[in-house]
């Protein structure tokens, strides 16, 4: 893949990758850093991307894997903040950081509580930003069925949120 061809494809893909990173990390700065790293990795293998022409699937996979690696590092080093440094002048209290962590854990647990089918469709739509038609082709269903599954998955998530708030 040539330099200009890569730059065009990367600029079109960047927003989607930031959304994926933000979903996993819930931190804008960290998401930007992860996407920068993912773009660098894609740039380094651009000569091998010529055969694929579409860097989107590889970009999403690289971004997801970088996010997972970052989250794993945070688990082994819990004192480290998501941005890799403490907020200046203690602006970010320990309680706020703990609440953020608890909220993220709750969200991951709520998603894990969904059935495999609901979880997969929700992920394809919300994280990978696939169109309804693409999801339908992947799971072998109609777009109407995909809309129903997505609606039910979101409804279950809302019910879990209501229970948590009460």
N, C-alpha and C. Protein backbone atom coordinates (compact mmCIF):
# COMPACT_ATOMS: atom_id res chain seq x y z
N UNK A 1 0.85 -1.16 0.00
CA UNK A 1 0.00 0.00 0.00
C UNK A 1 0.91 1.23 0.00
N UNK A 2 0.64 2.15 -0.89
CA UNK A 2 1.45 3.36 -1.00
C UNK A 2 1.13 4.33 0.14
N UNK A 3 2.05 5.28 0.33
CA UNK A 3 1.93 6.22 1.44
C UNK A 3 0.62 7.01 1.38
N UNK A 4 0.29 7.59 0.26
CA UNK A 4 -0.94 8.40 0.16
C UNK A 4 -2.18 7.54 0.31
N UNK A 5 -2.13 6.35 -0.25
CA UNK A 5 -3.25 5.42 -0.13
C UNK A 5 -3.48 5.05 1.35
N UNK A 6 -2.38 4.79 2.06
CA UNK A 6 -2.46 4.47 3.47
C UNK A 6 -2.99 5.65 4.27
N UNK A 7 -2.49 6.85 3.99
CA UNK A 7 -2.92 8.04 4.73
C UNK A 7 -4.41 8.28 4.58
N UNK A 8 -4.94 8.08 3.39
CA UNK A 8 -6.38 8.26 3.16
C UNK A 8 -7.17 7.22 3.94
N UNK A 9 -6.76 5.96 3.83
CA UNK A 9 -7.47 4.88 4.53
C UNK A 9 -7.37 5.08 6.05
N UNK A 10 -6.21 5.48 6.53
CA UNK A 10 -6.01 5.67 7.97
C UNK A 10 -6.85 6.83 8.50
N UNK A 11 -6.93 7.91 7.75
CA UNK A 11 -7.72 9.05 8.22
C UNK A 11 -9.21 8.70 8.29
N UNK A 12 -9.68 7.87 7.37
CA UNK A 12 -11.08 7.44 7.40
C UNK A 12 -11.33 6.48 8.55
N UNK A 13 -10.35 5.72 8.94
CA UNK A 13 -10.48 4.70 9.98
C UNK A 13 -10.29 5.25 11.39
N UNK A 14 -9.57 6.33 11.51
CA UNK A 14 -9.15 6.85 12.82
C UNK A 14 -10.31 7.05 13.80
N UNK A 15 -11.39 7.66 13.38
CA UNK A 15 -12.53 7.91 14.27
C UNK A 15 -13.11 6.64 14.85
N UNK A 16 -13.22 5.63 14.01
CA UNK A 16 -13.74 4.34 14.47
C UNK A 16 -12.82 3.71 15.51
N UNK A 17 -11.52 3.83 15.29
CA UNK A 17 -10.56 3.26 16.24
C UNK A 17 -10.59 4.00 17.57
N UNK A 18 -10.76 5.31 17.53
CA UNK A 18 -10.86 6.08 18.77
C UNK A 18 -12.09 5.65 19.55
N UNK A 19 -13.21 5.42 18.85
CA UNK A 19 -14.43 4.95 19.52
C UNK A 19 -14.20 3.60 20.20
N UNK A 20 -13.52 2.70 19.51
CA UNK A 20 -13.24 1.38 20.08
C UNK A 20 -12.38 1.53 21.34
N UNK A 21 -11.32 2.32 21.23
CA UNK A 21 -10.42 2.50 22.37
C UNK A 21 -11.14 3.18 23.53
N UNK A 22 -11.99 4.15 23.23
CA UNK A 22 -12.74 4.84 24.27
C UNK A 22 -13.70 3.88 24.96
N UNK A 23 -14.29 2.96 24.21
CA UNK A 23 -15.19 1.96 24.79
C UNK A 23 -14.46 1.10 25.82
N UNK A 24 -13.27 0.66 25.47
CA UNK A 24 -12.52 -0.20 26.37
C UNK A 24 -11.94 0.56 27.55
N UNK A 25 -11.42 1.75 27.32
CA UNK A 25 -10.63 2.45 28.33
C UNK A 25 -11.37 3.55 29.06
N UNK A 26 -12.43 4.07 28.49
CA UNK A 26 -13.22 5.15 29.11
C UNK A 26 -12.36 6.37 29.44
N UNK A 27 -11.35 6.62 28.65
CA UNK A 27 -10.48 7.77 28.87
C UNK A 27 -10.04 8.30 27.51
N UNK A 28 -10.39 9.54 27.23
CA UNK A 28 -10.14 10.14 25.92
C UNK A 28 -8.65 10.20 25.58
N UNK A 29 -7.83 10.66 26.52
CA UNK A 29 -6.40 10.79 26.25
C UNK A 29 -5.76 9.43 26.01
N UNK A 30 -6.12 8.46 26.83
CA UNK A 30 -5.57 7.12 26.67
C UNK A 30 -6.03 6.51 25.34
N UNK A 31 -7.27 6.76 24.97
CA UNK A 31 -7.79 6.25 23.70
C UNK A 31 -7.00 6.83 22.54
N UNK A 32 -6.71 8.12 22.60
CA UNK A 32 -5.91 8.76 21.54
C UNK A 32 -4.52 8.14 21.46
N UNK A 33 -3.91 7.89 22.62
CA UNK A 33 -2.57 7.27 22.64
C UNK A 33 -2.59 5.88 22.02
N UNK A 34 -3.60 5.12 22.37
CA UNK A 34 -3.72 3.76 21.84
C UNK A 34 -3.88 3.79 20.32
N UNK A 35 -4.71 4.71 19.83
CA UNK A 35 -4.94 4.80 18.38
C UNK A 35 -3.66 5.23 17.67
N UNK A 36 -2.91 6.15 18.27
CA UNK A 36 -1.63 6.54 17.68
C UNK A 36 -0.70 5.32 17.55
N UNK A 37 -0.66 4.52 18.61
CA UNK A 37 0.18 3.32 18.59
C UNK A 37 -0.32 2.33 17.54
N UNK A 38 -1.63 2.18 17.43
CA UNK A 38 -2.20 1.27 16.43
C UNK A 38 -1.86 1.75 15.02
N UNK A 39 -1.97 3.05 14.79
CA UNK A 39 -1.64 3.60 13.47
C UNK A 39 -0.17 3.37 13.13
N UNK A 40 0.68 3.51 14.13
CA UNK A 40 2.10 3.26 13.92
C UNK A 40 2.33 1.80 13.52
N UNK A 41 1.67 0.89 14.22
CA UNK A 41 1.82 -0.53 13.90
C UNK A 41 1.32 -0.82 12.49
N UNK A 42 0.20 -0.21 12.11
CA UNK A 42 -0.32 -0.40 10.75
C UNK A 42 0.65 0.18 9.72
N UNK A 43 1.23 1.33 10.02
CA UNK A 43 2.18 1.96 9.11
C UNK A 43 3.38 1.05 8.88
N UNK A 44 3.85 0.41 9.94
CA UNK A 44 5.02 -0.45 9.83
C UNK A 44 4.77 -1.68 8.97
N UNK A 45 3.51 -2.10 8.86
CA UNK A 45 3.20 -3.29 8.04
C UNK A 45 2.42 -2.92 6.77
N UNK A 46 2.46 -1.65 6.39
CA UNK A 46 1.66 -1.19 5.24
C UNK A 46 2.02 -1.90 3.95
N UNK A 47 3.28 -2.32 3.80
CA UNK A 47 3.67 -3.03 2.58
C UNK A 47 2.97 -4.38 2.48
N UNK A 48 2.62 -4.97 3.59
CA UNK A 48 1.88 -6.24 3.59
C UNK A 48 0.38 -6.03 3.49
N UNK A 49 -0.09 -4.81 3.68
CA UNK A 49 -1.52 -4.51 3.60
C UNK A 49 -1.99 -4.38 2.16
N UNK A 50 -1.07 -4.33 1.22
CA UNK A 50 -1.42 -4.16 -0.18
C UNK A 50 -2.39 -5.22 -0.66
N UNK A 51 -2.22 -6.43 -0.18
CA UNK A 51 -3.09 -7.52 -0.60
C UNK A 51 -4.51 -7.35 -0.08
N UNK A 52 -4.65 -6.77 1.10
CA UNK A 52 -5.96 -6.68 1.74
C UNK A 52 -6.76 -5.47 1.29
N UNK A 53 -6.09 -4.38 0.98
CA UNK A 53 -6.70 -3.11 0.57
C UNK A 53 -7.53 -2.47 1.68
N UNK A 54 -8.16 -3.26 2.51
CA UNK A 54 -9.00 -2.71 3.57
C UNK A 54 -8.30 -2.90 4.90
N UNK A 55 -7.81 -1.80 5.46
CA UNK A 55 -7.06 -1.90 6.72
C UNK A 55 -7.98 -1.87 7.93
N UNK A 56 -9.28 -1.68 7.70
CA UNK A 56 -10.22 -1.54 8.81
C UNK A 56 -10.22 -2.74 9.76
N UNK A 57 -10.39 -3.96 9.28
CA UNK A 57 -10.41 -5.10 10.22
C UNK A 57 -9.11 -5.23 11.01
N UNK A 58 -8.00 -5.04 10.34
CA UNK A 58 -6.72 -5.16 11.03
C UNK A 58 -6.56 -4.02 12.04
N UNK A 59 -6.95 -2.83 11.68
CA UNK A 59 -6.87 -1.68 12.58
C UNK A 59 -7.71 -1.89 13.83
N UNK A 60 -8.92 -2.42 13.65
CA UNK A 60 -9.79 -2.66 14.80
C UNK A 60 -9.20 -3.73 15.71
N UNK A 61 -8.63 -4.76 15.13
CA UNK A 61 -8.03 -5.84 15.91
C UNK A 61 -6.81 -5.34 16.68
N UNK A 62 -5.95 -4.58 16.02
CA UNK A 62 -4.76 -4.04 16.67
C UNK A 62 -5.17 -3.13 17.82
N UNK A 63 -6.15 -2.26 17.59
CA UNK A 63 -6.61 -1.33 18.62
C UNK A 63 -7.18 -2.09 19.81
N UNK A 64 -8.04 -3.06 19.54
CA UNK A 64 -8.63 -3.85 20.61
C UNK A 64 -7.55 -4.55 21.43
N UNK A 65 -6.58 -5.15 20.76
CA UNK A 65 -5.52 -5.86 21.47
C UNK A 65 -4.65 -4.92 22.31
N UNK A 66 -4.38 -3.74 21.79
CA UNK A 66 -3.62 -2.76 22.57
C UNK A 66 -4.39 -2.32 23.81
N UNK A 67 -5.70 -2.15 23.67
CA UNK A 67 -6.53 -1.77 24.81
C UNK A 67 -6.53 -2.87 25.87
N UNK A 68 -6.67 -4.10 25.42
CA UNK A 68 -6.68 -5.23 26.35
C UNK A 68 -5.34 -5.33 27.06
N UNK A 69 -4.25 -5.14 26.33
CA UNK A 69 -2.93 -5.15 26.96
C UNK A 69 -2.82 -4.06 28.02
N UNK A 70 -3.33 -2.88 27.70
CA UNK A 70 -3.28 -1.76 28.65
C UNK A 70 -4.09 -2.08 29.90
N UNK A 71 -5.28 -2.65 29.72
CA UNK A 71 -6.12 -3.01 30.87
C UNK A 71 -5.46 -4.09 31.72
N UNK A 72 -4.80 -5.02 31.08
CA UNK A 72 -4.09 -6.07 31.83
C UNK A 72 -2.96 -5.47 32.65
N UNK A 73 -2.24 -4.50 32.07
CA UNK A 73 -1.18 -3.83 32.82
C UNK A 73 -1.75 -3.10 34.03
N UNK A 74 -2.93 -2.52 33.87
CA UNK A 74 -3.55 -1.82 34.99
C UNK A 74 -3.94 -2.78 36.10
N UNK A 75 -4.34 -3.99 35.73
CA UNK A 75 -4.69 -4.99 36.75
C UNK A 75 -3.47 -5.41 37.54
N UNK A 76 -2.32 -5.53 36.90
CA UNK A 76 -1.11 -5.95 37.60
C UNK A 76 -0.45 -4.79 38.32
N UNK A 77 -0.78 -3.55 37.93
CA UNK A 77 -0.24 -2.34 38.57
C UNK A 77 -1.40 -1.42 38.91
N UNK A 78 -2.22 -1.78 39.90
CA UNK A 78 -3.44 -1.02 40.18
C UNK A 78 -3.20 0.41 40.64
N UNK A 79 -2.01 0.73 41.13
CA UNK A 79 -1.72 2.09 41.57
C UNK A 79 -1.54 3.06 40.41
N UNK A 80 -1.33 2.51 39.22
CA UNK A 80 -1.11 3.33 38.03
C UNK A 80 -2.46 3.81 37.51
N UNK A 81 -2.58 5.09 37.21
CA UNK A 81 -3.84 5.60 36.66
C UNK A 81 -3.94 5.22 35.20
N UNK A 82 -5.12 5.38 34.63
CA UNK A 82 -5.34 5.01 33.25
C UNK A 82 -4.47 5.84 32.31
N UNK A 83 -4.23 7.08 32.64
CA UNK A 83 -3.41 7.93 31.79
C UNK A 83 -1.93 7.74 32.03
N UNK A 84 -1.59 6.94 33.03
CA UNK A 84 -0.19 6.66 33.29
C UNK A 84 0.46 7.64 34.24
N UNK A 85 -0.27 8.64 34.71
CA UNK A 85 0.26 9.58 35.68
C UNK A 85 -0.87 10.08 36.56
N UNK A 86 -0.50 10.55 37.72
CA UNK A 86 -1.51 11.08 38.64
C UNK A 86 -1.95 12.45 38.18
N UNK A 87 -3.18 12.80 38.54
CA UNK A 87 -3.69 14.12 38.19
C UNK A 87 -2.90 15.17 38.97
N UNK A 88 -2.66 16.33 38.38
CA UNK A 88 -1.91 17.36 39.09
C UNK A 88 -2.64 17.83 40.33
N UNK A 89 -1.87 18.11 41.37
CA UNK A 89 -2.40 18.64 42.62
C UNK A 89 -3.50 17.78 43.21
N UNK A 90 -3.48 16.51 42.96
CA UNK A 90 -4.47 15.61 43.55
C UNK A 90 -5.90 15.90 43.10
N UNK A 91 -6.07 16.45 41.89
CA UNK A 91 -7.41 16.79 41.41
C UNK A 91 -8.29 15.55 41.30
N UNK A 92 -7.70 14.45 41.02
CA UNK A 92 -8.44 13.21 40.86
C UNK A 92 -8.34 12.45 42.17
N UNK A 93 -9.41 12.39 42.92
CA UNK A 93 -9.36 11.74 44.22
C UNK A 93 -9.34 10.22 44.06
N UNK A 94 -8.88 9.57 45.08
CA UNK A 94 -8.86 8.11 45.09
C UNK A 94 -10.27 7.57 44.96
N UNK A 95 -11.22 8.25 45.60
CA UNK A 95 -12.60 7.81 45.53
C UNK A 95 -13.14 7.90 44.10
N UNK A 96 -12.83 8.97 43.40
CA UNK A 96 -13.29 9.13 42.02
C UNK A 96 -12.70 8.05 41.12
N UNK A 97 -11.42 7.77 41.33
CA UNK A 97 -10.78 6.71 40.54
C UNK A 97 -11.40 5.36 40.85
N UNK A 98 -11.70 5.11 42.12
CA UNK A 98 -12.32 3.85 42.51
C UNK A 98 -13.72 3.73 41.90
N UNK A 99 -14.48 4.83 41.91
CA UNK A 99 -15.81 4.82 41.31
C UNK A 99 -15.74 4.54 39.82
N UNK A 100 -14.79 5.16 39.13
CA UNK A 100 -14.62 4.90 37.70
C UNK A 100 -14.32 3.43 37.46
N UNK A 101 -13.44 2.88 38.29
CA UNK A 101 -13.07 1.47 38.15
C UNK A 101 -14.29 0.57 38.41
N UNK A 102 -15.04 0.89 39.45
CA UNK A 102 -16.24 0.10 39.76
C UNK A 102 -17.27 0.18 38.64
N UNK A 103 -17.45 1.37 38.09
CA UNK A 103 -18.40 1.53 36.99
C UNK A 103 -17.98 0.73 35.76
N UNK A 104 -16.69 0.76 35.46
CA UNK A 104 -16.19 0.00 34.31
C UNK A 104 -16.36 -1.50 34.55
N UNK A 105 -16.05 -1.95 35.77
CA UNK A 105 -16.22 -3.36 36.11
C UNK A 105 -17.69 -3.77 36.02
N UNK A 106 -18.57 -2.90 36.52
CA UNK A 106 -20.00 -3.20 36.46
C UNK A 106 -20.44 -3.35 35.00
N UNK A 107 -19.99 -2.43 34.15
CA UNK A 107 -20.38 -2.47 32.73
C UNK A 107 -19.89 -3.75 32.08
N UNK A 108 -18.65 -4.13 32.35
CA UNK A 108 -18.14 -5.38 31.77
C UNK A 108 -18.96 -6.57 32.27
N UNK A 109 -19.31 -6.57 33.56
CA UNK A 109 -20.13 -7.64 34.11
C UNK A 109 -21.52 -7.68 33.49
N UNK A 110 -22.11 -6.50 33.29
CA UNK A 110 -23.44 -6.44 32.68
C UNK A 110 -23.41 -6.99 31.27
N UNK A 111 -22.37 -6.68 30.54
CA UNK A 111 -22.23 -7.20 29.17
C UNK A 111 -22.01 -8.71 29.22
N UNK A 112 -21.21 -9.18 30.18
CA UNK A 112 -20.99 -10.64 30.31
C UNK A 112 -22.28 -11.38 30.64
N UNK A 113 -23.22 -10.71 31.32
CA UNK A 113 -24.49 -11.35 31.69
C UNK A 113 -25.43 -11.53 30.50
N UNK A 114 -25.16 -10.84 29.40
CA UNK A 114 -25.99 -11.01 28.22
C UNK A 114 -25.71 -12.38 27.60
N UNK A 115 -26.69 -12.87 26.85
CA UNK A 115 -26.46 -14.14 26.14
C UNK A 115 -25.38 -13.90 25.08
N UNK A 116 -24.76 -14.98 24.62
CA UNK A 116 -23.69 -14.86 23.63
C UNK A 116 -24.18 -14.12 22.38
N UNK A 117 -25.38 -14.44 21.94
CA UNK A 117 -25.93 -13.82 20.74
C UNK A 117 -26.12 -12.33 20.95
N UNK A 118 -26.71 -11.92 22.07
CA UNK A 118 -26.94 -10.51 22.36
C UNK A 118 -25.60 -9.77 22.48
N UNK A 119 -24.67 -10.39 23.18
CA UNK A 119 -23.36 -9.77 23.40
C UNK A 119 -22.64 -9.57 22.07
N UNK A 120 -22.68 -10.58 21.21
CA UNK A 120 -21.98 -10.49 19.92
C UNK A 120 -22.58 -9.40 19.04
N UNK A 121 -23.90 -9.35 18.96
CA UNK A 121 -24.54 -8.35 18.11
C UNK A 121 -24.31 -6.95 18.68
N UNK A 122 -24.41 -6.80 19.98
CA UNK A 122 -24.17 -5.50 20.62
C UNK A 122 -22.74 -5.04 20.35
N UNK A 123 -21.80 -5.94 20.46
CA UNK A 123 -20.40 -5.60 20.22
C UNK A 123 -20.16 -5.21 18.77
N UNK A 124 -20.72 -5.98 17.84
CA UNK A 124 -20.53 -5.66 16.43
C UNK A 124 -21.08 -4.28 16.09
N UNK A 125 -22.20 -3.94 16.69
CA UNK A 125 -22.84 -2.66 16.39
C UNK A 125 -22.18 -1.50 17.13
N UNK A 126 -21.97 -1.64 18.44
CA UNK A 126 -21.50 -0.53 19.26
C UNK A 126 -19.99 -0.33 19.23
N UNK A 127 -19.24 -1.40 19.14
CA UNK A 127 -17.79 -1.29 19.20
C UNK A 127 -17.18 -1.29 17.81
N UNK A 128 -17.61 -2.24 16.99
CA UNK A 128 -17.03 -2.36 15.65
C UNK A 128 -17.74 -1.50 14.62
N UNK A 129 -18.88 -0.91 15.01
CA UNK A 129 -19.65 0.01 14.16
C UNK A 129 -20.04 -0.61 12.82
N UNK A 130 -20.42 -1.89 12.86
CA UNK A 130 -20.86 -2.54 11.64
C UNK A 130 -22.29 -2.13 11.32
N UNK A 131 -22.61 -2.09 10.05
CA UNK A 131 -23.97 -1.79 9.60
C UNK A 131 -24.86 -2.99 9.88
N UNK A 132 -26.16 -2.73 9.95
CA UNK A 132 -27.13 -3.81 10.23
C UNK A 132 -27.02 -4.93 9.18
N UNK A 133 -26.84 -4.54 7.93
CA UNK A 133 -26.72 -5.54 6.86
C UNK A 133 -25.50 -6.42 7.03
N UNK A 134 -24.38 -5.82 7.45
CA UNK A 134 -23.15 -6.59 7.67
C UNK A 134 -23.35 -7.58 8.82
N UNK A 135 -23.96 -7.12 9.90
CA UNK A 135 -24.21 -8.00 11.04
C UNK A 135 -25.13 -9.13 10.63
N UNK A 136 -26.17 -8.80 9.86
CA UNK A 136 -27.12 -9.82 9.40
C UNK A 136 -26.40 -10.89 8.59
N UNK A 137 -25.49 -10.47 7.71
CA UNK A 137 -24.74 -11.45 6.90
C UNK A 137 -23.87 -12.32 7.79
N UNK A 138 -23.24 -11.71 8.79
CA UNK A 138 -22.32 -12.45 9.67
C UNK A 138 -23.07 -13.51 10.47
N UNK A 139 -24.23 -13.15 11.03
CA UNK A 139 -24.95 -14.11 11.88
C UNK A 139 -25.97 -14.94 11.10
N UNK A 140 -26.12 -14.65 9.81
CA UNK A 140 -27.04 -15.42 8.98
C UNK A 140 -28.50 -15.15 9.30
N UNK A 141 -28.85 -13.88 9.45
CA UNK A 141 -30.22 -13.50 9.78
C UNK A 141 -30.62 -12.29 8.93
N UNK A 142 -31.87 -11.87 9.09
CA UNK A 142 -32.33 -10.68 8.39
C UNK A 142 -31.98 -9.44 9.22
N UNK A 143 -32.06 -8.28 8.58
CA UNK A 143 -31.79 -7.04 9.30
C UNK A 143 -32.82 -6.82 10.40
N UNK A 144 -34.06 -7.24 10.16
CA UNK A 144 -35.10 -7.11 11.18
C UNK A 144 -34.77 -7.90 12.43
N UNK A 145 -34.26 -9.10 12.23
CA UNK A 145 -33.87 -9.94 13.37
C UNK A 145 -32.72 -9.29 14.13
N UNK A 146 -31.76 -8.71 13.39
CA UNK A 146 -30.63 -8.04 14.03
C UNK A 146 -31.13 -6.85 14.86
N UNK A 147 -32.07 -6.08 14.32
CA UNK A 147 -32.63 -4.94 15.05
C UNK A 147 -33.32 -5.41 16.35
N UNK A 148 -34.03 -6.51 16.25
CA UNK A 148 -34.72 -7.05 17.42
C UNK A 148 -33.71 -7.50 18.49
N UNK A 149 -32.69 -8.23 18.07
CA UNK A 149 -31.66 -8.70 19.00
C UNK A 149 -30.98 -7.51 19.67
N UNK A 150 -30.63 -6.51 18.87
CA UNK A 150 -29.96 -5.33 19.40
C UNK A 150 -30.85 -4.59 20.40
N UNK A 151 -32.11 -4.47 20.06
CA UNK A 151 -33.07 -3.81 20.95
C UNK A 151 -33.21 -4.56 22.27
N UNK A 152 -33.30 -5.86 22.21
CA UNK A 152 -33.44 -6.66 23.42
C UNK A 152 -32.17 -6.61 24.27
N UNK A 153 -31.02 -6.61 23.62
CA UNK A 153 -29.76 -6.52 24.36
C UNK A 153 -29.68 -5.19 25.10
N UNK A 154 -30.03 -4.12 24.42
CA UNK A 154 -30.00 -2.80 25.05
C UNK A 154 -31.02 -2.71 26.19
N UNK A 155 -32.17 -3.33 25.98
CA UNK A 155 -33.20 -3.31 27.02
C UNK A 155 -32.71 -4.04 28.27
N UNK A 156 -32.05 -5.19 28.08
CA UNK A 156 -31.51 -5.93 29.23
C UNK A 156 -30.45 -5.11 29.96
N UNK A 157 -29.62 -4.40 29.20
CA UNK A 157 -28.60 -3.55 29.82
C UNK A 157 -29.28 -2.44 30.64
N UNK A 158 -30.33 -1.84 30.11
CA UNK A 158 -31.05 -0.78 30.83
C UNK A 158 -31.69 -1.33 32.10
N UNK A 159 -32.25 -2.54 32.03
CA UNK A 159 -32.85 -3.16 33.21
C UNK A 159 -31.79 -3.40 34.28
N UNK A 160 -30.62 -3.86 33.87
CA UNK A 160 -29.54 -4.07 34.83
C UNK A 160 -29.10 -2.75 35.46
N UNK A 161 -29.09 -1.68 34.65
CA UNK A 161 -28.72 -0.37 35.17
C UNK A 161 -29.74 0.13 36.18
N UNK A 162 -31.02 -0.09 35.91
CA UNK A 162 -32.06 0.33 36.84
C UNK A 162 -31.93 -0.41 38.16
N UNK A 163 -31.66 -1.71 38.11
CA UNK A 163 -31.47 -2.51 39.33
C UNK A 163 -30.27 -1.98 40.10
N UNK A 164 -29.21 -1.64 39.42
CA UNK A 164 -28.01 -1.14 40.08
C UNK A 164 -28.27 0.21 40.76
N UNK A 165 -29.04 1.07 40.13
CA UNK A 165 -29.32 2.39 40.70
C UNK A 165 -30.22 2.29 41.93
N UNK A 166 -31.09 1.29 41.98
CA UNK A 166 -32.02 1.14 43.10
C UNK A 166 -31.40 0.56 44.31
